[in-house]
Amino acid sequence: MHELLERKKGIRRNILIVDDDYIAREILIKMLGDSYEVSCAENGVKALDIIKRDKLKLSLVMLDLNMPQMDGYSLLKLLRSDNELRRIPVIVLTSEKGAEVESLKIGAADFITKPFDMPEVICARVRHSIELAEDSVIIHETERDELTGLFRKDFFFQYGKRIDELNNYMPMDAVVVDINRFHVVTELYGRSYGDSVLKIVGDSLHELVSRTGGLACRRGNNRFFIYLPHSDELEIKLPQYIDDIDARINDNNISLRYGVYCDDGSEKNMEQRFDCAELACRKLRNSYESCFVLYSDEQHSKELFSERLINDIDKALSEKQFKVYYQPKYSIKGDRPQLSSAEALIRWFHPEYGMISPGQFIALFEENGLIQKLDRFVWNEVATQIKRWKDMYGVDIPVSVNVSRIDVFNAHIAEILENITKQNNLDNTNLLLEITESAYTDDSAQIIETVNKLRGLGFRIEMDDFGSGYSSLNMLLSLPIDALKLDMTFIKKICENPKSARLVGIMIDIARLLEVPVIAEGVETKEQMEILKKLGCDIIQGYFFSKPLPPEEFEALIEKN
């Protein structure tokens, strides 16, 4: 590239004249010698040696077709078949009628008819051929990624659109290839190793589109796009392509994920196809169960729905579209179950979608951090409600609220919660804080420090979903908690499966060792309640007693008890 730019600035180009006619060579030297550095060869064999020697500085070859030892046709074919030499333009010198067409088919840039006349025209043809060749090389260098040799993004989409237009918008599939955690690979093994992986992937994709048709490009640091003619068997063929690339990389630490859009006749343009493929590829983030996924309209609808929920949360909070429901928790230690507390559960009454299940937005908001906003809303609503019930009935009804992982890592979490209780003139023991067992495994030291601070202020901590987070018994001994809440999956089969009942008994024994009460959720039948009571469970909640209730209906339970 640098050499070509220097030539553009006025440095004299090098031309090789290949002709067995001495007079013809001298005439051309006379015409071109003032503007170019000219060298000569009298046959194709000598010319080929010179071309290979001076390939980096030659700007043009002027080639006679009829010569001894190696004629012009043979030399031209050799030059066009060599990846390094084919960039050098060739002007054919001929007096044969019809030879022009044949030489252009083989790959000549232009032709000049013998005998030579009109020097101005010959010089113009030489200059034009050199400039076209240099411009072509510059464009090639610009349109291709230097490391992988694949198209760059802008040229990729230009050529892809041209393919669509020239082929009457034939069905085309789009594939996005992404190298998982590539930044970690380069940090561990070095930049040169990362480059070698990128080059292997690039070479593999180039071969793939060479066989199947289509285009491939490097999109960003570790992402690739493939645009290829539609195949109904792509889902079958893709694992073969993947296995081939994996075999070439030959490193179990390197994994690739593939998002695929198969043309479904919906007339999406090229950008839209790749938007769909990227959407599919994102679904595989941090997944090790599958390496490729096909885009579907259902998936797209879910993604749009999720985006809508994310965009609507602020308005929903300000308009109080979220409603807090309360599911009662009953102590079963005495002869009769007694209302002891409640759990706050959120519901979203969307003006367009109606009631949205927490399963559709809780995990979504946890993933992007918006759960903090929702948690603050719930904490404030619950504290206000506890105060209202205290004023109405003269009793404290403790309520469990969720504290997400991201909340626990907030350095100001204790101040935030205490401000809420103070504003409502509540004792901190009225707000029960549920933290999932799995959260304790993220950073146990910081979790313990935060929880100890909260307990020191009087807040009580319930470990939620106990039994699902795989915490070690040794860790349990060091965790500051005030109650264990059994995951409901253990309760479902407690009547039918003796092993489930025994397992629940073991977890209750662990709670006894820790000297904390046990809460079982998801209790739906009298039989389940009786087994739990026999095993020593302290508190239960579930549809056997009541579904989650709005505040006004929960008040009927308070009055009854």
Protein backbone atom coordinates (compact mmCIF):
# COMPACT_ATOMS: atom_id res chain seq x y z
CA MET A 1 0.00 0.00 0.00
CA HIS A 2 2.77 2.46 0.98
CA GLU A 3 4.70 1.73 -2.21
CA LEU A 4 1.64 2.38 -4.36
CA LEU A 5 0.95 5.69 -2.63
CA GLU A 6 4.55 6.73 -3.21
CA ARG A 7 4.13 5.95 -6.92
CA LYS A 8 1.03 8.12 -6.99
CA LYS A 9 3.14 11.03 -5.74
CA GLY A 10 5.33 10.94 -8.88
CA ILE A 11 8.05 8.34 -8.38
CA ARG A 12 8.93 6.71 -11.74
CA ARG A 13 7.22 3.37 -12.35
CA ASN A 14 8.99 0.31 -13.73
CA ILE A 15 7.85 -1.27 -16.98
CA LEU A 16 9.02 -4.55 -18.51
CA ILE A 17 8.82 -4.89 -22.32
CA VAL A 18 8.75 -8.53 -23.48
CA ASP A 19 9.24 -8.88 -27.25
CA ASP A 20 11.63 -10.87 -29.45
CA ASP A 21 11.67 -8.00 -31.96
CA TYR A 22 14.59 -5.69 -31.14
CA ILE A 23 13.19 -2.81 -33.17
CA ALA A 24 9.80 -3.03 -31.45
CA ARG A 25 11.52 -2.88 -28.05
CA GLU A 26 13.57 0.17 -29.05
CA ILE A 27 10.51 2.01 -30.36
CA LEU A 28 8.67 1.47 -27.07
CA ILE A 29 11.75 2.51 -25.06
CA LYS A 30 11.87 5.70 -27.11
CA MET A 31 8.19 6.40 -26.41
CA LEU A 32 8.19 5.55 -22.71
CA GLY A 33 11.76 6.07 -21.49
CA ASP A 34 11.28 9.69 -20.45
CA SER A 35 8.42 8.81 -18.05
CA TYR A 36 9.25 5.28 -16.88
CA GLU A 37 12.11 3.02 -15.89
CA VAL A 38 12.08 0.49 -18.76
CA SER A 39 13.67 -2.96 -18.86
CA CYS A 40 13.41 -5.59 -21.61
CA ALA A 41 13.29 -9.34 -22.24
CA GLU A 42 13.30 -11.10 -25.59
CA ASN A 43 11.24 -14.17 -24.59
CA GLY A 44 8.81 -15.43 -21.99
CA VAL A 45 11.35 -17.48 -20.01
CA LYS A 46 13.68 -14.54 -19.36
CA ALA A 47 10.67 -12.32 -18.70
CA LEU A 48 9.32 -14.68 -16.03
CA ASP A 49 12.68 -14.62 -14.19
CA ILE A 50 12.70 -10.81 -14.23
CA ILE A 51 9.08 -10.59 -13.11
CA LYS A 52 9.66 -12.91 -10.16
CA ARG A 53 12.79 -10.96 -9.19
CA ASP A 54 11.21 -7.50 -9.50
CA LYS A 55 7.60 -8.36 -8.66
CA LEU A 56 7.34 -5.74 -5.92
CA LYS A 57 8.45 -2.82 -8.07
CA LEU A 58 7.04 -3.70 -11.50
CA SER A 59 4.05 -1.56 -12.48
CA LEU A 60 3.36 -3.00 -15.95
CA VAL A 61 4.35 -5.73 -18.41
CA MET A 62 4.04 -5.08 -22.14
CA LEU A 63 3.85 -8.51 -23.74
CA ASP A 64 4.21 -9.70 -27.32
CA LEU A 65 2.14 -12.82 -28.02
CA ASN A 66 4.40 -14.55 -30.58
CA MET A 67 7.85 -15.36 -29.14
CA PRO A 68 10.24 -18.34 -29.00
CA GLN A 69 10.71 -20.59 -25.92
CA MET A 70 7.59 -19.28 -24.14
CA ASP A 71 4.97 -17.31 -26.04
CA GLY A 72 2.90 -14.46 -24.62
CA TYR A 73 -0.23 -16.54 -24.09
CA SER A 74 1.62 -19.00 -21.86
CA LEU A 75 3.30 -16.27 -19.82
CA LEU A 76 0.02 -14.39 -19.39
CA LYS A 77 -1.68 -17.53 -18.09
CA LEU A 78 1.16 -18.11 -15.62
CA LEU A 79 0.95 -14.56 -14.32
CA ARG A 80 -2.80 -14.74 -13.84
CA SER A 81 -2.58 -18.04 -11.97
CA ASP A 82 -0.07 -16.71 -9.43
CA ASN A 83 -1.59 -14.83 -6.44
CA GLU A 84 1.48 -12.60 -6.07
CA LEU A 85 2.08 -11.84 -9.76
CA ARG A 86 -1.50 -11.39 -10.90
CA ARG A 87 -1.64 -7.83 -9.52
CA ILE A 88 0.81 -6.70 -12.28
CA PRO A 89 -1.19 -5.44 -15.28
CA VAL A 90 -0.31 -6.76 -18.75
CA ILE A 91 -0.76 -4.93 -22.04
CA VAL A 92 -0.67 -7.29 -25.01
CA LEU A 93 1.31 -6.28 -28.13
CA THR A 94 -0.14 -7.92 -31.24
CA SER A 95 -0.68 -7.58 -34.97
CA GLU A 96 -3.07 -10.55 -35.13
CA LYS A 97 -6.74 -9.83 -35.68
CA GLY A 98 -8.85 -11.52 -33.06
CA ALA A 99 -5.94 -11.93 -30.62
CA GLU A 100 -7.21 -8.98 -28.60
CA VAL A 101 -10.37 -10.77 -27.52
CA GLU A 102 -8.53 -13.95 -26.57
CA SER A 103 -5.89 -12.08 -24.56
CA LEU A 104 -8.53 -10.04 -22.70
CA LYS A 105 -10.32 -13.27 -21.78
CA ILE A 106 -7.10 -14.67 -20.34
CA GLY A 107 -6.61 -11.55 -18.23
CA ALA A 108 -4.84 -8.82 -20.19
CA ALA A 109 -5.56 -5.28 -19.02
CA ASP A 110 -5.42 -3.80 -22.52
CA PHE A 111 -3.86 -4.29 -25.97
CA ILE A 112 -1.79 -2.22 -28.40
CA THR A 113 -1.82 -2.99 -32.11
CA LYS A 114 1.38 -3.37 -34.10
CA PRO A 115 2.94 -1.56 -35.89
CA PHE A 116 3.13 1.19 -33.25
CA ASP A 117 1.79 4.58 -34.19
CA MET A 118 0.29 7.52 -32.32
CA PRO A 119 2.71 7.60 -29.33
CA GLU A 120 0.27 9.78 -27.39
CA VAL A 121 -2.34 7.00 -27.47
CA ILE A 122 0.18 4.34 -26.42
CA CYS A 123 1.39 6.48 -23.48
CA ALA A 124 -2.19 7.15 -22.45
CA ARG A 125 -3.03 3.42 -22.52
CA VAL A 126 0.07 2.62 -20.44
CA ARG A 127 -0.72 5.33 -17.90
CA HIS A 128 -4.36 4.27 -17.71
CA SER A 129 -3.55 0.57 -17.20
CA ILE A 130 -1.06 1.35 -14.42
CA GLU A 131 -3.48 3.67 -12.62
CA LEU A 132 -6.34 1.18 -12.84
CA ALA A 133 -4.13 -1.60 -11.45
CA GLU A 134 -2.84 0.57 -8.61
CA ASP A 135 -6.34 1.76 -7.76
CA SER A 136 -7.52 -1.84 -7.79
CA VAL A 137 -4.79 -2.89 -5.36
CA ILE A 138 -5.57 0.05 -3.08
CA ILE A 139 -9.26 -0.84 -3.11
CA HIS A 140 -8.42 -4.47 -2.44
CA GLU A 141 -6.24 -3.50 0.51
CA THR A 142 -8.97 -1.20 1.82
CA GLU A 143 -11.86 -3.63 1.42
CA ARG A 144 -10.08 -6.57 3.03
CA ASP A 145 -9.17 -7.15 6.65
CA GLU A 146 -5.40 -7.37 6.74
CA LEU A 147 -5.20 -10.28 9.20
CA THR A 148 -7.91 -12.61 7.86
CA GLY A 149 -8.20 -11.49 4.22
CA LEU A 150 -11.99 -11.32 4.60
CA PHE A 151 -14.07 -8.31 3.58
CA ARG A 152 -14.41 -5.41 5.95
CA LYS A 153 -17.93 -4.61 7.10
CA ASP A 154 -18.77 -1.71 4.73
CA PHE A 155 -17.57 -3.48 1.58
CA PHE A 156 -19.22 -6.70 2.74
CA PHE A 157 -22.62 -5.06 2.85
CA GLN A 158 -22.04 -3.22 -0.46
CA TYR A 159 -21.18 -6.43 -2.29
CA GLY A 160 -23.94 -8.33 -0.53
CA LYS A 161 -26.54 -5.83 -1.70
CA ARG A 162 -25.12 -6.06 -5.21
CA ILE A 163 -25.52 -9.86 -5.08
CA ASP A 164 -29.14 -9.37 -4.03
CA GLU A 165 -29.84 -6.93 -6.87
CA LEU A 166 -28.09 -8.92 -9.59
CA ASN A 167 -29.77 -12.18 -8.58
CA ASN A 168 -33.29 -10.81 -8.28
CA TYR A 169 -33.14 -11.03 -4.48
CA MET A 170 -32.64 -14.78 -4.33
CA PRO A 171 -33.06 -16.35 -0.85
CA MET A 172 -29.95 -15.79 1.28
CA ASP A 173 -29.01 -17.02 4.75
CA ALA A 174 -27.08 -14.97 7.31
CA VAL A 175 -24.72 -16.42 9.92
CA VAL A 176 -22.99 -14.56 12.75
CA VAL A 177 -19.91 -16.25 14.23
CA ASP A 178 -18.59 -15.07 17.58
CA ILE A 179 -15.56 -16.31 19.55
CA ASN A 180 -16.57 -16.77 23.18
CA ARG A 181 -14.61 -14.73 25.74
CA PHE A 182 -11.95 -13.86 23.16
CA HIS A 183 -10.50 -11.10 25.37
CA VAL A 184 -9.70 -13.74 28.00
CA VAL A 185 -7.94 -15.88 25.38
CA THR A 186 -5.67 -13.00 24.33
CA GLU A 187 -4.93 -12.08 27.94
CA LEU A 188 -3.99 -15.65 28.84
CA TYR A 189 -2.12 -16.71 25.69
CA GLY A 190 -1.03 -13.43 24.12
CA ARG A 191 -2.06 -11.33 21.16
CA SER A 192 -0.14 -13.38 18.60
CA TYR A 193 -2.01 -16.54 19.61
CA GLY A 194 -5.32 -14.68 19.37
CA ASP A 195 -4.34 -13.48 15.89
CA SER A 196 -3.56 -17.04 14.82
CA VAL A 197 -7.04 -18.14 15.94
CA LEU A 198 -8.64 -15.28 14.02
CA LYS A 199 -6.66 -16.21 10.90
CA ILE A 200 -7.73 -19.87 11.14
CA VAL A 201 -11.37 -18.83 11.43
CA GLY A 202 -10.96 -16.39 8.55
CA ASP A 203 -9.34 -19.00 6.29
CA SER A 204 -12.07 -21.51 7.14
CA LEU A 205 -14.86 -19.08 6.34
CA HIS A 206 -13.16 -18.05 3.10
CA GLU A 207 -13.05 -21.69 2.01
CA LEU A 208 -16.67 -22.16 3.06
CA VAL A 209 -17.98 -19.32 0.89
CA SER A 210 -15.69 -20.40 -1.94
CA ARG A 211 -17.48 -23.78 -1.92
CA THR A 212 -21.01 -22.61 -1.27
CA GLY A 213 -21.01 -19.15 -2.82
CA GLY A 214 -21.59 -15.95 -0.92
CA LEU A 215 -19.42 -13.61 1.13
CA ALA A 216 -17.69 -13.50 4.50
CA CYS A 217 -16.37 -10.60 6.55
CA ARG A 218 -14.66 -9.83 9.81
CA ARG A 219 -17.00 -7.69 11.89
CA GLY A 220 -15.21 -6.21 14.86
CA ASN A 221 -12.46 -7.87 16.84
CA ASN A 222 -13.80 -11.40 17.27
CA ARG A 223 -17.00 -11.53 15.22
CA PHE A 224 -17.57 -12.71 11.64
CA PHE A 225 -20.49 -12.49 9.21
CA ILE A 226 -21.32 -15.03 6.49
CA TYR A 227 -23.84 -14.33 3.71
CA LEU A 228 -24.56 -17.38 1.58
CA PRO A 229 -27.25 -18.76 -0.73
CA HIS A 230 -30.15 -20.28 1.19
CA SER A 231 -30.07 -23.99 1.90
CA ASP A 232 -32.90 -26.02 3.42
CA GLU A 233 -30.19 -28.28 4.85
CA LEU A 234 -28.20 -25.53 6.57
CA GLU A 235 -29.19 -26.79 10.02
CA ILE A 236 -27.83 -30.22 9.05
CA LYS A 237 -24.68 -28.91 7.36
CA LEU A 238 -23.78 -26.35 10.02
CA PRO A 239 -22.47 -28.90 12.57
CA GLN A 240 -20.14 -30.21 9.86
CA TYR A 241 -18.81 -26.70 9.21
CA ILE A 242 -18.43 -26.15 12.95
CA ASP A 243 -16.54 -29.42 13.46
CA ASP A 244 -14.18 -28.51 10.63
CA ILE A 245 -13.34 -25.12 12.15
CA ASP A 246 -12.95 -26.61 15.65
CA ALA A 247 -10.57 -29.25 14.27
CA ARG A 248 -8.44 -26.57 12.64
CA ILE A 249 -8.26 -24.50 15.82
CA ASN A 250 -7.56 -27.65 17.87
CA ASP A 251 -7.91 -25.95 21.25
CA ASN A 252 -10.56 -26.91 23.79
CA ASN A 253 -10.25 -23.48 25.40
CA ILE A 254 -11.60 -21.84 22.23
CA SER A 255 -15.34 -22.05 21.58
CA LEU A 256 -17.36 -20.40 18.85
CA ARG A 257 -21.06 -19.62 18.84
CA TYR A 258 -23.18 -19.24 15.72
CA GLY A 259 -26.38 -17.26 15.30
CA VAL A 260 -28.24 -18.25 12.15
CA TYR A 261 -31.00 -16.62 10.14
CA CYS A 262 -32.47 -18.96 7.50
CA ASP A 263 -34.32 -17.11 4.76
CA ASP A 264 -38.03 -17.68 5.38
CA GLY A 265 -39.36 -15.77 2.40
CA SER A 266 -40.24 -12.71 4.47
CA GLU A 267 -38.25 -10.43 2.14
CA LYS A 268 -35.98 -9.04 4.85
CA ASN A 269 -33.08 -6.98 3.52
CA MET A 270 -29.47 -7.87 4.23
CA GLU A 271 -29.13 -5.73 7.37
CA GLN A 272 -32.35 -7.15 8.80
CA ARG A 273 -31.14 -10.71 8.20
CA PHE A 274 -27.97 -10.03 10.17
CA ASP A 275 -29.92 -8.26 12.92
CA CYS A 276 -31.88 -11.49 13.30
CA ALA A 277 -28.72 -13.63 13.25
CA GLU A 278 -27.09 -11.42 15.89
CA LEU A 279 -30.21 -11.68 18.03
CA ALA A 280 -29.96 -15.46 17.82
CA CYS A 281 -26.24 -15.34 18.63
CA ARG A 282 -26.87 -13.28 21.78
CA LYS A 283 -29.08 -16.06 23.07
CA LEU A 284 -25.96 -18.24 23.35
CA ARG A 285 -24.08 -15.82 25.57
CA ASN A 286 -22.43 -17.74 28.43
CA SER A 287 -24.12 -20.93 27.21
CA TYR A 288 -22.12 -24.13 26.89
CA GLU A 289 -25.00 -26.44 26.01
CA SER A 290 -25.18 -25.52 22.33
CA CYS A 291 -22.91 -23.71 19.90
CA PHE A 292 -25.53 -22.52 17.41
CA VAL A 293 -29.12 -21.40 17.40
CA LEU A 294 -31.53 -20.56 14.59
CA TYR A 295 -33.48 -17.35 14.68
CA SER A 296 -37.25 -17.62 14.97
CA ASP A 297 -40.02 -15.03 14.84
CA GLU A 298 -41.18 -16.24 18.25
CA GLN A 299 -37.74 -15.50 19.63
CA HIS A 300 -37.83 -12.09 18.01
CA SER A 301 -41.23 -11.35 19.53
CA LYS A 302 -39.91 -12.28 22.98
CA GLU A 303 -36.94 -10.00 22.48
CA LEU A 304 -39.17 -7.11 21.44
CA PHE A 305 -41.42 -7.81 24.41
CA SER A 306 -38.42 -7.74 26.76
CA GLU A 307 -37.20 -4.48 25.25
CA ARG A 308 -40.66 -3.00 25.70
CA LEU A 309 -40.70 -3.99 29.38
CA ILE A 310 -37.26 -2.44 29.89
CA ASN A 311 -38.37 0.79 28.24
CA ASP A 312 -41.64 0.90 30.22
CA ILE A 313 -40.34 0.31 33.74
CA ASP A 314 -39.83 3.97 34.70
CA LYS A 315 -43.30 4.95 33.55
CA ALA A 316 -44.76 1.88 35.26
CA LEU A 317 -43.10 2.82 38.55
CA SER A 318 -44.25 6.43 38.38
CA GLU A 319 -47.82 5.40 37.52
CA LYS A 320 -47.79 2.57 40.10
CA GLN A 321 -48.66 -0.08 37.54
CA PHE A 322 -46.79 -2.45 39.85
CA LYS A 323 -48.88 -3.80 42.72
CA VAL A 324 -47.56 -5.58 45.79
CA TYR A 325 -49.46 -8.72 46.80
CA TYR A 326 -49.03 -10.49 50.11
CA GLN A 327 -48.96 -14.24 50.68
CA PRO A 328 -49.51 -15.15 54.33
CA LYS A 329 -47.06 -17.31 56.25
CA TYR A 330 -48.39 -19.49 59.06
CA SER A 331 -46.69 -20.90 62.10
CA ILE A 332 -47.56 -24.59 62.48
CA LYS A 333 -45.75 -25.25 65.76
CA GLY A 334 -48.92 -25.15 67.89
CA ASP A 335 -52.24 -26.95 67.67
CA ARG A 336 -53.65 -24.52 65.13
CA PRO A 337 -51.83 -22.68 62.35
CA GLN A 338 -51.36 -19.01 63.24
CA LEU A 339 -50.71 -16.09 60.89
CA SER A 340 -47.15 -15.02 61.63
CA SER A 341 -45.97 -12.91 58.71
CA ALA A 342 -46.22 -12.49 54.94
CA GLU A 343 -44.15 -12.44 51.79
CA ALA A 344 -44.35 -9.52 49.37
CA LEU A 345 -44.82 -10.56 45.74
CA ILE A 346 -44.88 -8.11 42.86
CA ARG A 347 -47.44 -8.00 40.04
CA TRP A 348 -47.35 -5.76 36.97
CA PHE A 349 -50.65 -4.55 35.55
CA HIS A 350 -49.54 -3.18 32.20
CA PRO A 351 -51.98 -0.87 30.37
CA GLU A 352 -51.45 -2.78 27.09
CA TYR A 353 -50.43 -6.32 28.09
CA GLY A 354 -52.57 -6.70 31.19
CA MET A 355 -51.22 -8.63 34.17
CA ILE A 356 -47.61 -9.64 33.50
CA SER A 357 -46.21 -12.58 35.47
CA PRO A 358 -43.08 -11.88 37.58
CA GLY A 359 -41.41 -14.74 35.71
CA GLN A 360 -41.43 -12.53 32.61
CA PHE A 361 -39.69 -9.51 34.11
CA ILE A 362 -37.82 -10.34 37.35
CA ALA A 363 -34.96 -12.26 35.68
CA LEU A 364 -34.87 -9.67 32.88
CA PHE A 365 -34.44 -6.81 35.34
CA GLU A 366 -31.88 -8.76 37.36
CA GLU A 367 -29.80 -9.20 34.22
CA ASN A 368 -29.63 -5.50 33.37
CA GLY A 369 -29.63 -4.02 36.89
CA LEU A 370 -33.12 -2.49 36.74
CA ILE A 371 -34.13 -4.80 39.58
CA GLN A 372 -32.73 -2.19 42.00
CA LYS A 373 -35.46 0.25 41.00
CA LEU A 374 -38.15 -2.37 41.42
CA ASP A 375 -36.78 -3.51 44.79
CA ARG A 376 -36.80 0.09 46.12
CA PHE A 377 -40.40 0.43 45.04
CA VAL A 378 -41.40 -2.80 46.79
CA TRP A 379 -39.52 -1.92 49.99
CA ASN A 380 -41.25 1.46 50.22
CA GLU A 381 -44.69 0.02 49.43
CA VAL A 382 -44.29 -2.78 51.98
CA ALA A 383 -43.05 -0.46 54.74
CA THR A 384 -46.00 1.85 54.12
CA GLN A 385 -48.39 -1.11 54.24
CA ILE A 386 -46.93 -2.51 57.47
CA LYS A 387 -47.37 0.94 59.05
CA ARG A 388 -50.96 1.13 57.81
CA TRP A 389 -51.82 -2.29 59.29
CA LYS A 390 -50.16 -1.32 62.57
CA ASP A 391 -52.26 1.82 62.75
CA MET A 392 -55.45 -0.07 61.80
CA TYR A 393 -55.08 -3.19 63.96
CA GLY A 394 -52.44 -2.37 66.54
CA VAL A 395 -50.24 -5.31 65.50
CA ASP A 396 -46.95 -5.72 63.68
CA ILE A 397 -47.13 -7.96 60.60
CA PRO A 398 -43.53 -8.64 59.47
CA VAL A 399 -43.20 -8.92 55.70
CA SER A 400 -40.43 -10.60 53.71
CA VAL A 401 -39.03 -8.60 50.79
CA ASN A 402 -36.55 -9.70 48.16
CA VAL A 403 -33.01 -8.35 48.24
CA SER A 404 -31.35 -9.10 44.90
CA ARG A 405 -27.68 -9.84 44.40
CA ILE A 406 -27.00 -6.41 42.97
CA ASP A 407 -28.63 -4.84 46.05
CA VAL A 408 -26.34 -6.76 48.39
CA PHE A 409 -23.27 -5.35 46.66
CA ASN A 410 -24.53 -1.79 47.07
CA ALA A 411 -22.35 -0.15 49.71
CA HIS A 412 -25.32 1.97 50.88
CA ILE A 413 -27.87 -0.84 51.19
CA ALA A 414 -28.08 -0.60 55.01
CA GLU A 415 -28.68 3.17 54.97
CA ILE A 416 -31.33 2.83 52.23
CA LEU A 417 -33.30 0.20 54.14
CA GLU A 418 -33.01 1.97 57.47
CA ASN A 419 -34.20 5.25 55.97
CA ILE A 420 -37.31 3.45 54.68
CA THR A 421 -38.16 1.98 58.11
CA LYS A 422 -37.49 5.30 59.85
CA GLN A 423 -39.78 7.19 57.46
CA ASN A 424 -42.59 4.80 58.38
CA ASN A 425 -41.76 4.72 62.11
CA LEU A 426 -41.13 0.96 61.99
CA ASP A 427 -38.81 -1.31 63.89
CA ASN A 428 -36.25 -2.86 61.54
CA THR A 429 -37.41 -6.33 62.61
CA ASN A 430 -40.64 -5.75 60.66
CA LEU A 431 -38.79 -5.93 57.33
CA LEU A 432 -37.59 -9.47 56.67
CA LEU A 433 -34.88 -9.57 54.01
CA GLU A 434 -34.81 -12.55 51.64
CA ILE A 435 -31.46 -13.30 50.00
CA THR A 436 -31.19 -16.34 47.73
CA GLU A 437 -28.75 -19.08 48.69
CA SER A 438 -26.95 -18.79 45.33
CA ALA A 439 -26.16 -15.12 46.04
CA TYR A 440 -23.98 -16.18 48.99
CA THR A 441 -21.64 -18.06 46.64
CA ASP A 442 -20.80 -14.99 44.50
CA ASP A 443 -18.55 -13.26 47.03
CA SER A 444 -19.14 -14.83 50.39
CA ALA A 445 -16.82 -12.46 52.27
CA GLN A 446 -18.61 -9.32 51.09
CA ILE A 447 -22.05 -10.92 51.50
CA ILE A 448 -21.25 -11.86 55.10
CA GLU A 449 -19.95 -8.36 55.83
CA THR A 450 -23.10 -6.76 54.41
CA VAL A 451 -25.47 -9.17 56.13
CA ASN A 452 -23.73 -8.74 59.46
CA LYS A 453 -24.16 -4.99 59.16
CA LEU A 454 -27.88 -5.39 58.39
CA ARG A 455 -28.40 -7.80 61.29
CA GLY A 456 -26.55 -5.41 63.55
CA LEU A 457 -29.22 -2.81 62.72
CA GLY A 458 -31.98 -5.27 63.64
CA PHE A 459 -32.97 -6.56 60.19
CA ARG A 460 -33.64 -10.29 60.01
CA ILE A 461 -32.22 -12.31 57.11
CA GLU A 462 -33.97 -15.25 55.46
CA MET A 463 -31.96 -17.49 53.12
CA ASP A 464 -34.34 -18.05 50.22
CA ASP A 465 -34.40 -21.14 47.96
CA PHE A 466 -32.30 -23.15 50.40
CA GLY A 467 -31.20 -26.40 48.80
CA SER A 468 -30.92 -25.03 45.26
CA GLY A 469 -27.65 -23.10 45.51
CA TYR A 470 -25.29 -25.94 46.43
CA SER A 471 -23.68 -24.11 49.33
CA SER A 472 -21.32 -26.25 51.37
CA LEU A 473 -22.10 -27.25 54.96
CA ASN A 474 -18.92 -25.49 56.03
CA MET A 475 -20.16 -22.27 54.41
CA LEU A 476 -23.53 -22.59 56.16
CA LEU A 477 -21.80 -22.59 59.54
CA SER A 478 -20.27 -19.19 58.77
CA LEU A 479 -23.31 -17.52 57.22
CA PRO A 480 -25.21 -15.02 59.37
CA ILE A 481 -28.90 -15.90 58.79
CA ASP A 482 -32.10 -15.86 60.83
CA ALA A 483 -34.21 -18.37 58.89
CA LEU A 484 -33.91 -20.99 56.15
CA LYS A 485 -36.58 -21.03 53.46
CA LEU A 486 -36.81 -24.35 51.64
CA ASP A 487 -36.99 -24.28 47.86
CA MET A 488 -40.52 -25.28 46.78
CA THR A 489 -39.22 -27.97 44.42
CA PHE A 490 -38.45 -30.12 47.47
CA ILE A 491 -42.03 -29.80 48.73
CA LYS A 492 -43.82 -30.90 45.53
CA LYS A 493 -42.95 -34.61 45.84
CA ILE A 494 -42.79 -34.86 49.60
CA CYS A 495 -45.91 -37.05 49.80
CA GLU A 496 -45.14 -39.38 46.88
CA ASN A 497 -41.41 -39.82 47.31
CA PRO A 498 -39.98 -40.96 50.68
CA LYS A 499 -36.52 -39.77 49.58
CA SER A 500 -37.86 -36.23 49.11
CA ALA A 501 -39.36 -36.32 52.61
CA ARG A 502 -36.09 -37.59 54.04
CA LEU A 503 -34.13 -34.90 52.23
CA VAL A 504 -36.42 -32.20 53.63
CA GLY A 505 -35.91 -33.74 57.07
CA ILE A 506 -32.14 -33.48 56.65
CA MET A 507 -32.40 -29.80 55.71
CA ILE A 508 -34.59 -29.16 58.76
CA ASP A 509 -31.96 -30.91 60.91
CA ILE A 510 -29.35 -28.55 59.43
CA ALA A 511 -31.53 -25.61 60.45
CA ARG A 512 -31.76 -27.02 63.96
CA LEU A 513 -27.95 -27.21 64.03
CA LEU A 514 -27.82 -23.57 62.99
CA GLU A 515 -30.55 -22.74 65.52
CA VAL A 516 -32.79 -21.00 62.99
CA PRO A 517 -36.44 -21.64 62.04
CA VAL A 518 -37.44 -23.32 58.76
CA ILE A 519 -39.96 -21.88 56.29
CA ALA A 520 -41.50 -24.08 53.59
CA GLU A 521 -43.14 -22.44 50.58
CA GLY A 522 -45.33 -23.94 47.90
CA VAL A 523 -47.46 -26.01 50.29
CA GLU A 524 -50.64 -26.92 48.45
CA THR A 525 -52.21 -29.83 50.37
CA LYS A 526 -53.06 -30.82 53.93
CA GLU A 527 -50.90 -33.94 53.56
CA GLN A 528 -47.86 -31.82 52.73
CA MET A 529 -48.50 -29.63 55.75
CA GLU A 530 -48.83 -32.59 58.10
CA ILE A 531 -45.58 -34.19 56.88
CA LEU A 532 -43.73 -30.88 57.26
CA LYS A 533 -45.11 -30.43 60.75
CA LYS A 534 -44.04 -33.95 61.67
CA LEU A 535 -40.54 -33.28 60.34
CA GLY A 536 -40.29 -30.17 62.51
CA CYS A 537 -40.92 -27.37 60.01
CA ASP A 538 -41.79 -24.08 61.75
CA ILE A 539 -43.57 -21.92 59.16
CA ILE A 540 -45.33 -22.67 55.89
CA GLN A 541 -46.89 -20.70 53.07
CA GLY A 542 -48.68 -21.73 49.93
CA TYR A 543 -52.04 -22.16 48.22
CA PHE A 544 -53.21 -24.57 50.94
CA PHE A 545 -53.72 -21.51 53.11
CA SER A 546 -53.95 -18.71 50.59
CA LYS A 547 -52.80 -17.42 47.25
CA PRO A 548 -51.00 -14.04 47.19
CA LEU A 549 -53.56 -11.35 48.04
CA PRO A 550 -53.92 -7.62 47.45
CA PRO A 551 -53.67 -5.60 50.69
CA GLU A 552 -57.43 -5.20 51.19
CA GLU A 553 -58.05 -8.95 50.96
CA PHE A 554 -55.09 -9.73 53.21
CA GLU A 555 -56.69 -7.54 55.85
CA ALA A 556 -59.53 -10.04 56.17
CA LEU A 557 -56.95 -12.62 57.32
CA ILE A 558 -55.59 -10.19 59.90
CA GLU A 559 -59.07 -9.59 61.28
CA LYS A 560 -59.79 -13.32 61.37
CA ASN A 561 -56.60 -14.07 63.30
